[in-house]
Amino acid sequence: MHSTPPQTLINLVSRLVSRLELGEAASKVLATLILSEFPLSQTEIVHLTGYSLSQVSSALSLLVSVGLVSFVKAGRKKLYFSDKGINELLGEIARKMIEKDLKPLARELEKLPKEREKIQSLMDECNQAIEKLQETFLLDTLKSMRRMDTKMNR
């Protein structure tokens, strides 16, 4: 058996992944796979996440269908893995926010021609907030990962 990622780290990455709106189980399964050194079987994922085999199976089907998880066959078993990194996930989260929230906001604001200056100011604030969020999140994530690495190496 190989080493498994600490539950605290799985929970932190799961919280990040949950912003993709895949559901709680899929978020935790994806976080587990991202942090795992080796591909995992459904049974191993069940053990690491605490979810039922049925929940894990459904989550894996969803994750495979959206391209976040792949698998290899080892005999009759499937071993699941994700080659996605935090950067790719942040990019996907940002894309989702832009499509779901910022573009509709921009379209609505464009309907108000008399408010162009205020609209530009709001858009500038949104862009600054996004940059600040990305910087803060990345720094916090790196600090958390360093703390976990220090604890694991003791």
C-alpha atoms as a PDB file:
ATOM      1  CA  MET A   1       0.000   0.000   0.000  1.00  0.00           C
ATOM      2  CA  HIS A   2       1.246   3.501  -0.738  1.00  0.00           C
ATOM      3  CA  SER A   3       1.082   6.629   1.409  1.00  0.00           C
ATOM      4  CA  THR A   4      -2.152   8.567   1.367  1.00  0.00           C
ATOM      5  CA  PRO A   5      -2.629  12.340   1.525  1.00  0.00           C
ATOM      6  CA  PRO A   6      -3.602  13.797   4.923  1.00  0.00           C
ATOM      7  CA  GLN A   7      -7.331  14.336   5.406  1.00  0.00           C
ATOM      8  CA  THR A   8      -6.786  18.038   6.183  1.00  0.00           C
ATOM      9  CA  LEU A   9      -5.139  18.565   2.819  1.00  0.00           C
ATOM     10  CA  ILE A  10      -7.869  16.599   1.035  1.00  0.00           C
ATOM     11  CA  ASN A  11     -10.470  18.828   2.715  1.00  0.00           C
ATOM     12  CA  LEU A  12      -8.664  22.041   1.685  1.00  0.00           C
ATOM     13  CA  VAL A  13      -8.354  20.992  -1.954  1.00  0.00           C
ATOM     14  CA  SER A  14     -11.933  19.693  -1.891  1.00  0.00           C
ATOM     15  CA  ARG A  15     -13.123  23.126  -0.770  1.00  0.00           C
ATOM     16  CA  LEU A  16     -11.324  24.683  -3.740  1.00  0.00           C
ATOM     17  CA  VAL A  17     -12.686  22.087  -6.173  1.00  0.00           C
ATOM     18  CA  SER A  18     -16.237  22.595  -4.853  1.00  0.00           C
ATOM     19  CA  ARG A  19     -16.245  25.938  -6.664  1.00  0.00           C
ATOM     20  CA  LEU A  20     -16.585  23.937  -9.891  1.00  0.00           C
ATOM     21  CA  GLU A  21     -20.087  23.020  -8.658  1.00  0.00           C
ATOM     22  CA  LEU A  22     -19.657  19.288  -9.186  1.00  0.00           C
ATOM     23  CA  GLY A  23     -21.214  18.346  -5.861  1.00  0.00           C
ATOM     24  CA  GLU A  24     -19.661  17.475  -2.522  1.00  0.00           C
ATOM     25  CA  ALA A  25     -18.778  13.848  -3.258  1.00  0.00           C
ATOM     26  CA  ALA A  26     -17.250  14.586  -6.678  1.00  0.00           C
ATOM     27  CA  SER A  27     -15.248  17.462  -5.203  1.00  0.00           C
ATOM     28  CA  LYS A  28     -13.796  15.282  -2.477  1.00  0.00           C
ATOM     29  CA  VAL A  29     -13.091  12.390  -4.862  1.00  0.00           C
ATOM     30  CA  LEU A  30     -11.317  14.763  -7.274  1.00  0.00           C
ATOM     31  CA  ALA A  31      -9.291  16.320  -4.435  1.00  0.00           C
ATOM     32  CA  THR A  32      -8.274  12.841  -3.279  1.00  0.00           C
ATOM     33  CA  LEU A  33      -7.138  11.877  -6.772  1.00  0.00           C
ATOM     34  CA  ILE A  34      -5.261  15.140  -7.328  1.00  0.00           C
ATOM     35  CA  LEU A  35      -3.312  14.598  -4.119  1.00  0.00           C
ATOM     36  CA  SER A  36      -2.680  10.885  -4.545  1.00  0.00           C
ATOM     37  CA  GLU A  37       0.759   9.779  -5.719  1.00  0.00           C
ATOM     38  CA  PHE A  38      -0.718   6.759  -7.533  1.00  0.00           C
ATOM     39  CA  PRO A  39      -3.945   5.864  -9.340  1.00  0.00           C
ATOM     40  CA  LEU A  40      -6.597   4.600  -6.922  1.00  0.00           C
ATOM     41  CA  SER A  41      -9.281   1.932  -7.125  1.00  0.00           C
ATOM     42  CA  GLN A  42     -12.886   2.675  -6.203  1.00  0.00           C
ATOM     43  CA  THR A  43     -12.396   0.746  -2.956  1.00  0.00           C
ATOM     44  CA  GLU A  44      -9.392   2.889  -2.001  1.00  0.00           C
ATOM     45  CA  ILE A  45     -11.342   6.051  -2.801  1.00  0.00           C
ATOM     46  CA  VAL A  46     -14.238   4.812  -0.651  1.00  0.00           C
ATOM     47  CA  HIS A  47     -11.801   4.269   2.221  1.00  0.00           C
ATOM     48  CA  LEU A  48     -10.169   7.710   1.837  1.00  0.00           C
ATOM     49  CA  THR A  49     -13.357   9.725   1.384  1.00  0.00           C
ATOM     50  CA  GLY A  50     -15.792   7.897   3.624  1.00  0.00           C
ATOM     51  CA  TYR A  51     -18.400   7.858   0.860  1.00  0.00           C
ATOM     52  CA  SER A  52     -20.305   4.754  -0.179  1.00  0.00           C
ATOM     53  CA  LEU A  53     -19.265   2.733  -3.226  1.00  0.00           C
ATOM     54  CA  SER A  54     -22.357   4.014  -5.010  1.00  0.00           C
ATOM     55  CA  GLN A  55     -21.494   7.671  -4.291  1.00  0.00           C
ATOM     56  CA  VAL A  56     -17.890   7.176  -5.382  1.00  0.00           C
ATOM     57  CA  SER A  57     -18.980   5.385  -8.549  1.00  0.00           C
ATOM     58  CA  SER A  58     -21.370   8.227  -9.464  1.00  0.00           C
ATOM     59  CA  ALA A  59     -18.752  10.857  -8.683  1.00  0.00           C
ATOM     60  CA  LEU A  60     -16.145   9.070 -10.800  1.00  0.00           C
ATOM     61  CA  SER A  61     -18.567   8.749 -13.729  1.00  0.00           C
ATOM     62  CA  LEU A  62     -19.209  12.491 -13.601  1.00  0.00           C
ATOM     63  CA  LEU A  63     -15.520  13.377 -13.255  1.00  0.00           C
ATOM     64  CA  VAL A  64     -14.533  11.106 -16.140  1.00  0.00           C
ATOM     65  CA  SER A  65     -17.326  12.531 -18.332  1.00  0.00           C
ATOM     66  CA  VAL A  66     -16.145  16.128 -17.802  1.00  0.00           C
ATOM     67  CA  GLY A  67     -12.502  15.223 -18.378  1.00  0.00           C
ATOM     68  CA  LEU A  68     -11.154  15.854 -14.888  1.00  0.00           C
ATOM     69  CA  VAL A  69     -10.374  12.195 -14.173  1.00  0.00           C
ATOM     70  CA  SER A  70      -9.037   9.319 -16.275  1.00  0.00           C
ATOM     71  CA  PHE A  71      -8.514   5.644 -15.551  1.00  0.00           C
ATOM     72  CA  VAL A  72      -6.342   2.729 -16.513  1.00  0.00           C
ATOM     73  CA  LYS A  73      -7.314  -0.916 -16.322  1.00  0.00           C
ATOM     74  CA  ALA A  74      -5.343  -3.226 -14.058  1.00  0.00           C
ATOM     75  CA  GLY A  75      -6.790  -6.637 -14.697  1.00  0.00           C
ATOM     76  CA  ARG A  76     -10.494  -6.370 -13.926  1.00  0.00           C
ATOM     77  CA  LYS A  77     -10.046  -3.228 -11.838  1.00  0.00           C
ATOM     78  CA  LYS A  78     -10.056   0.375 -12.962  1.00  0.00           C
ATOM     79  CA  LEU A  79      -7.506   2.660 -11.338  1.00  0.00           C
ATOM     80  CA  TYR A  80      -8.470   6.329 -11.371  1.00  0.00           C
ATOM     81  CA  PHE A  81      -6.223   9.376 -11.475  1.00  0.00           C
ATOM     82  CA  SER A  82      -6.265  13.074 -12.257  1.00  0.00           C
ATOM     83  CA  ASP A  83      -3.412  14.815 -13.950  1.00  0.00           C
ATOM     84  CA  LYS A  84      -4.982  18.206 -13.277  1.00  0.00           C
ATOM     85  CA  GLY A  85      -3.047  20.603 -11.093  1.00  0.00           C
ATOM     86  CA  ILE A  86      -4.139  23.488  -8.913  1.00  0.00           C
ATOM     87  CA  ASN A  87      -3.326  25.981 -11.702  1.00  0.00           C
ATOM     88  CA  GLU A  88      -5.621  24.204 -14.140  1.00  0.00           C
ATOM     89  CA  LEU A  89      -8.393  24.057 -11.557  1.00  0.00           C
ATOM     90  CA  LEU A  90      -8.024  27.761 -10.763  1.00  0.00           C
ATOM     91  CA  GLY A  91      -8.241  28.488 -14.473  1.00  0.00           C
ATOM     92  CA  GLU A  92     -11.404  26.401 -14.766  1.00  0.00           C
ATOM     93  CA  ILE A  93     -12.929  28.088 -11.698  1.00  0.00           C
ATOM     94  CA  ALA A  94     -12.101  31.530 -13.116  1.00  0.00           C
ATOM     95  CA  ARG A  95     -13.586  30.544 -16.499  1.00  0.00           C
ATOM     96  CA  LYS A  96     -16.760  29.358 -14.801  1.00  0.00           C
ATOM     97  CA  MET A  97     -17.045  32.624 -12.810  1.00  0.00           C
ATOM     98  CA  ILE A  98     -16.537  34.681 -15.958  1.00  0.00           C
ATOM     99  CA  GLU A  99     -19.158  32.721 -17.924  1.00  0.00           C
ATOM    100  CA  LYS A 100     -21.703  32.430 -15.127  1.00  0.00           C
ATOM    101  CA  ASP A 101     -21.370  35.743 -13.326  1.00  0.00           C
ATOM    102  CA  LEU A 102     -19.179  38.375 -14.953  1.00  0.00           C
ATOM    103  CA  LYS A 103     -20.354  38.163 -18.594  1.00  0.00           C
ATOM    104  CA  PRO A 104     -24.061  38.421 -17.690  1.00  0.00           C
ATOM    105  CA  LEU A 105     -23.215  41.343 -15.392  1.00  0.00           C
ATOM    106  CA  ALA A 106     -21.312  43.085 -18.193  1.00  0.00           C
ATOM    107  CA  ARG A 107     -24.212  42.551 -20.617  1.00  0.00           C
ATOM    108  CA  GLU A 108     -26.661  44.096 -18.153  1.00  0.00           C
ATOM    109  CA  LEU A 109     -24.365  47.010 -17.416  1.00  0.00           C
ATOM    110  CA  GLU A 110     -23.954  47.710 -21.139  1.00  0.00           C
ATOM    111  CA  LYS A 111     -27.702  48.340 -21.309  1.00  0.00           C
ATOM    112  CA  LEU A 112     -27.144  51.456 -19.217  1.00  0.00           C
ATOM    113  CA  PRO A 113     -25.294  53.866 -21.555  1.00  0.00           C
ATOM    114  CA  LYS A 114     -25.682  56.865 -19.214  1.00  0.00           C
ATOM    115  CA  GLU A 115     -23.752  54.973 -16.562  1.00  0.00           C
ATOM    116  CA  ARG A 116     -20.639  54.181 -18.691  1.00  0.00           C
ATOM    117  CA  GLU A 117     -18.179  55.807 -16.269  1.00  0.00           C
ATOM    118  CA  LYS A 118     -19.673  54.047 -13.271  1.00  0.00           C
ATOM    119  CA  ILE A 119     -19.779  50.766 -15.209  1.00  0.00           C
ATOM    120  CA  GLN A 120     -16.101  51.062 -16.084  1.00  0.00           C
ATOM    121  CA  SER A 121     -15.317  51.748 -12.439  1.00  0.00           C
ATOM    122  CA  LEU A 122     -17.300  48.663 -11.373  1.00  0.00           C
ATOM    123  CA  MET A 123     -15.550  46.509 -13.962  1.00  0.00           C
ATOM    124  CA  ASP A 124     -12.158  47.791 -12.791  1.00  0.00           C
ATOM    125  CA  GLU A 125     -13.122  46.931  -9.204  1.00  0.00           C
ATOM    126  CA  CYS A 126     -14.222  43.448 -10.296  1.00  0.00           C
ATOM    127  CA  ASN A 127     -10.912  42.871 -12.055  1.00  0.00           C
ATOM    128  CA  GLN A 128      -8.967  44.087  -9.019  1.00  0.00           C
ATOM    129  CA  ALA A 129     -11.020  41.834  -6.755  1.00  0.00           C
ATOM    130  CA  ILE A 130     -10.343  38.832  -9.003  1.00  0.00           C
ATOM    131  CA  GLU A 131      -6.605  39.540  -8.989  1.00  0.00           C
ATOM    132  CA  LYS A 132      -6.583  39.995  -5.215  1.00  0.00           C
ATOM    133  CA  LEU A 133      -8.592  36.805  -4.706  1.00  0.00           C
ATOM    134  CA  GLN A 134      -6.217  34.818  -6.878  1.00  0.00           C
ATOM    135  CA  GLU A 135      -3.136  36.198  -5.094  1.00  0.00           C
ATOM    136  CA  THR A 136      -4.599  35.663  -1.631  1.00  0.00           C
ATOM    137  CA  PHE A 137      -5.935  32.209  -2.403  1.00  0.00           C
ATOM    138  CA  LEU A 138      -2.682  31.048  -3.941  1.00  0.00           C
ATOM    139  CA  LEU A 139      -0.643  32.395  -1.026  1.00  0.00           C
ATOM    140  CA  ASP A 140      -2.974  30.816   1.550  1.00  0.00           C
ATOM    141  CA  THR A 141      -2.931  27.506  -0.309  1.00  0.00           C
ATOM    142  CA  LEU A 142       0.855  27.504  -0.541  1.00  0.00           C
ATOM    143  CA  LYS A 143       1.183  28.349   3.169  1.00  0.00           C
ATOM    144  CA  SER A 144      -1.206  25.539   4.104  1.00  0.00           C
ATOM    145  CA  MET A 145       0.648  23.077   1.905  1.00  0.00           C
ATOM    146  CA  ARG A 146       4.004  24.119   3.381  1.00  0.00           C
ATOM    147  CA  ARG A 147       2.636  23.637   6.914  1.00  0.00           C
ATOM    148  CA  MET A 148       1.345  20.187   5.984  1.00  0.00           C
ATOM    149  CA  ASP A 149       4.681  19.321   4.348  1.00  0.00           C
ATOM    150  CA  THR A 150       6.563  20.424   7.465  1.00  0.00           C
ATOM    151  CA  LYS A 151       4.299  18.316   9.711  1.00  0.00           C
ATOM    152  CA  MET A 152       4.659  15.272   7.456  1.00  0.00           C
ATOM    153  CA  ASN A 153       8.452  15.545   7.360  1.00  0.00           C
ATOM    154  CA  ARG A 154       8.840  15.630  11.149  1.00  0.00           C
END
